[in-house]
C-alpha atoms as a PDB file:
ATOM      1  CA  MET A   1      20.187  20.105 -85.911  1.00  0.00           C
ATOM      2  CA  THR A   2      22.995  17.736 -85.125  1.00  0.00           C
ATOM      3  CA  ASP A   3      24.000  18.941 -81.660  1.00  0.00           C
ATOM      4  CA  LYS A   4      21.686  17.667 -78.942  1.00  0.00           C
ATOM      5  CA  THR A   5      21.247  19.303 -75.586  1.00  0.00           C
ATOM      6  CA  LYS A   6      21.777  17.149 -72.540  1.00  0.00           C
ATOM      7  CA  ARG A   7      18.506  17.130 -70.681  1.00  0.00           C
ATOM      8  CA  GLY A   8      17.622  14.755 -67.894  1.00  0.00           C
ATOM      9  CA  GLY A   9      19.463  11.514 -67.396  1.00  0.00           C
ATOM     10  CA  LYS A  10      21.645  10.331 -64.519  1.00  0.00           C
ATOM     11  CA  ARG A  11      22.894  12.750 -61.925  1.00  0.00           C
ATOM     12  CA  GLU A  12      25.280  11.842 -59.156  1.00  0.00           C
ATOM     13  CA  GLY A  13      23.450  11.601 -55.832  1.00  0.00           C
ATOM     14  CA  ALA A  14      20.015  11.639 -57.457  1.00  0.00           C
ATOM     15  CA  GLY A  15      17.353   9.090 -56.657  1.00  0.00           C
ATOM     16  CA  ARG A  16      16.398   7.013 -53.691  1.00  0.00           C
ATOM     17  CA  PRO A  17      19.296   5.803 -51.529  1.00  0.00           C
ATOM     18  CA  LYS A  18      19.850   2.035 -51.433  1.00  0.00           C
ATOM     19  CA  GLN A  19      18.728   0.218 -48.311  1.00  0.00           C
ATOM     20  CA  GLU A  20      21.386  -1.503 -46.235  1.00  0.00           C
ATOM     21  CA  VAL A  21      19.190  -4.513 -45.458  1.00  0.00           C
ATOM     22  CA  ILE A  22      17.006  -5.806 -48.250  1.00  0.00           C
ATOM     23  CA  ARG A  23      13.813  -7.708 -47.514  1.00  0.00           C
ATOM     24  CA  LYS A  24      13.474 -10.598 -49.922  1.00  0.00           C
ATOM     25  CA  GLN A  25      10.179 -11.308 -51.623  1.00  0.00           C
ATOM     26  CA  ARG A  26       8.611 -14.693 -50.952  1.00  0.00           C
ATOM     27  CA  THR A  27       5.700 -16.472 -52.563  1.00  0.00           C
ATOM     28  CA  THR A  28       3.277 -19.015 -51.174  1.00  0.00           C
ATOM     29  CA  ARG A  29      -0.165 -20.397 -51.911  1.00  0.00           C
ATOM     30  CA  LEU A  30      -2.834 -19.890 -49.271  1.00  0.00           C
ATOM     31  CA  TYR A  31      -6.586 -20.103 -48.946  1.00  0.00           C
ATOM     32  CA  ASP A  32      -8.346 -16.780 -48.266  1.00  0.00           C
ATOM     33  CA  ASP A  33      -8.758 -17.444 -44.529  1.00  0.00           C
ATOM     34  CA  GLU A  34      -5.086 -18.443 -44.219  1.00  0.00           C
ATOM     35  CA  TRP A  35      -4.072 -15.286 -46.114  1.00  0.00           C
ATOM     36  CA  GLU A  36      -5.936 -13.077 -43.621  1.00  0.00           C
ATOM     37  CA  LEU A  37      -4.075 -14.750 -40.742  1.00  0.00           C
ATOM     38  CA  MET A  38      -0.755 -14.375 -42.546  1.00  0.00           C
ATOM     39  CA  LYS A  39      -1.347 -10.663 -43.216  1.00  0.00           C
ATOM     40  CA  ALA A  40      -2.187 -10.028 -39.556  1.00  0.00           C
ATOM     41  CA  PHE A  41       0.900 -11.914 -38.384  1.00  0.00           C
ATOM     42  CA  GLU A  42       3.048 -10.043 -40.910  1.00  0.00           C
ATOM     43  CA  ARG A  43       1.839  -6.667 -39.620  1.00  0.00           C
ATOM     44  CA  ILE A  44       2.768  -7.682 -36.063  1.00  0.00           C
ATOM     45  CA  ILE A  45       6.223  -8.774 -37.208  1.00  0.00           C
ATOM     46  CA  LYS A  46       6.881  -5.573 -39.186  1.00  0.00           C
ATOM     47  CA  TYR A  47       5.281  -2.953 -36.967  1.00  0.00           C
ATOM     48  CA  GLY A  48       4.674  -4.608 -33.627  1.00  0.00           C
ATOM     49  CA  ASP A  49       6.504  -7.026 -31.371  1.00  0.00           C
ATOM     50  CA  LYS A  50       8.764  -9.300 -33.409  1.00  0.00           C
ATOM     51  CA  GLU A  51      10.082 -11.016 -30.280  1.00  0.00           C
ATOM     52  CA  ALA A  52       6.545 -11.940 -29.189  1.00  0.00           C
ATOM     53  CA  CYS A  53       5.997 -13.586 -32.586  1.00  0.00           C
ATOM     54  CA  LYS A  54       9.196 -15.604 -32.166  1.00  0.00           C
ATOM     55  CA  ARG A  55       8.096 -16.760 -28.694  1.00  0.00           C
ATOM     56  CA  PHE A  56       4.656 -17.710 -30.038  1.00  0.00           C
ATOM     57  CA  ILE A  57       6.187 -19.840 -32.775  1.00  0.00           C
ATOM     58  CA  GLU A  58       8.648 -21.508 -30.390  1.00  0.00           C
ATOM     59  CA  GLU A  59       5.867 -22.364 -27.906  1.00  0.00           C
ATOM     60  CA  HIS A  60       3.662 -23.881 -30.591  1.00  0.00           C
ATOM     61  CA  GLU A  61       6.438 -25.827 -32.264  1.00  0.00           C
ATOM     62  CA  GLU A  62       7.252 -27.486 -28.933  1.00  0.00           C
ATOM     63  CA  LYS A  63       3.692 -28.859 -28.747  1.00  0.00           C
ATOM     64  CA  LYS A  64       4.090 -30.859 -31.975  1.00  0.00           C
END
């Protein structure tokens, strides 16, 4: 049997479409309590009010 059938493989238009904007992965080291705060803040940024997070950061950076 020398002739192989073509099964599977690449197909034009198949697969998940590429995203226009790619979110980069970041790494950091945090204690458990800091991680819980970071996760909560991240959820607000992704699914909530991103502008409110920006204002919060700006207000607290001014106090330094």
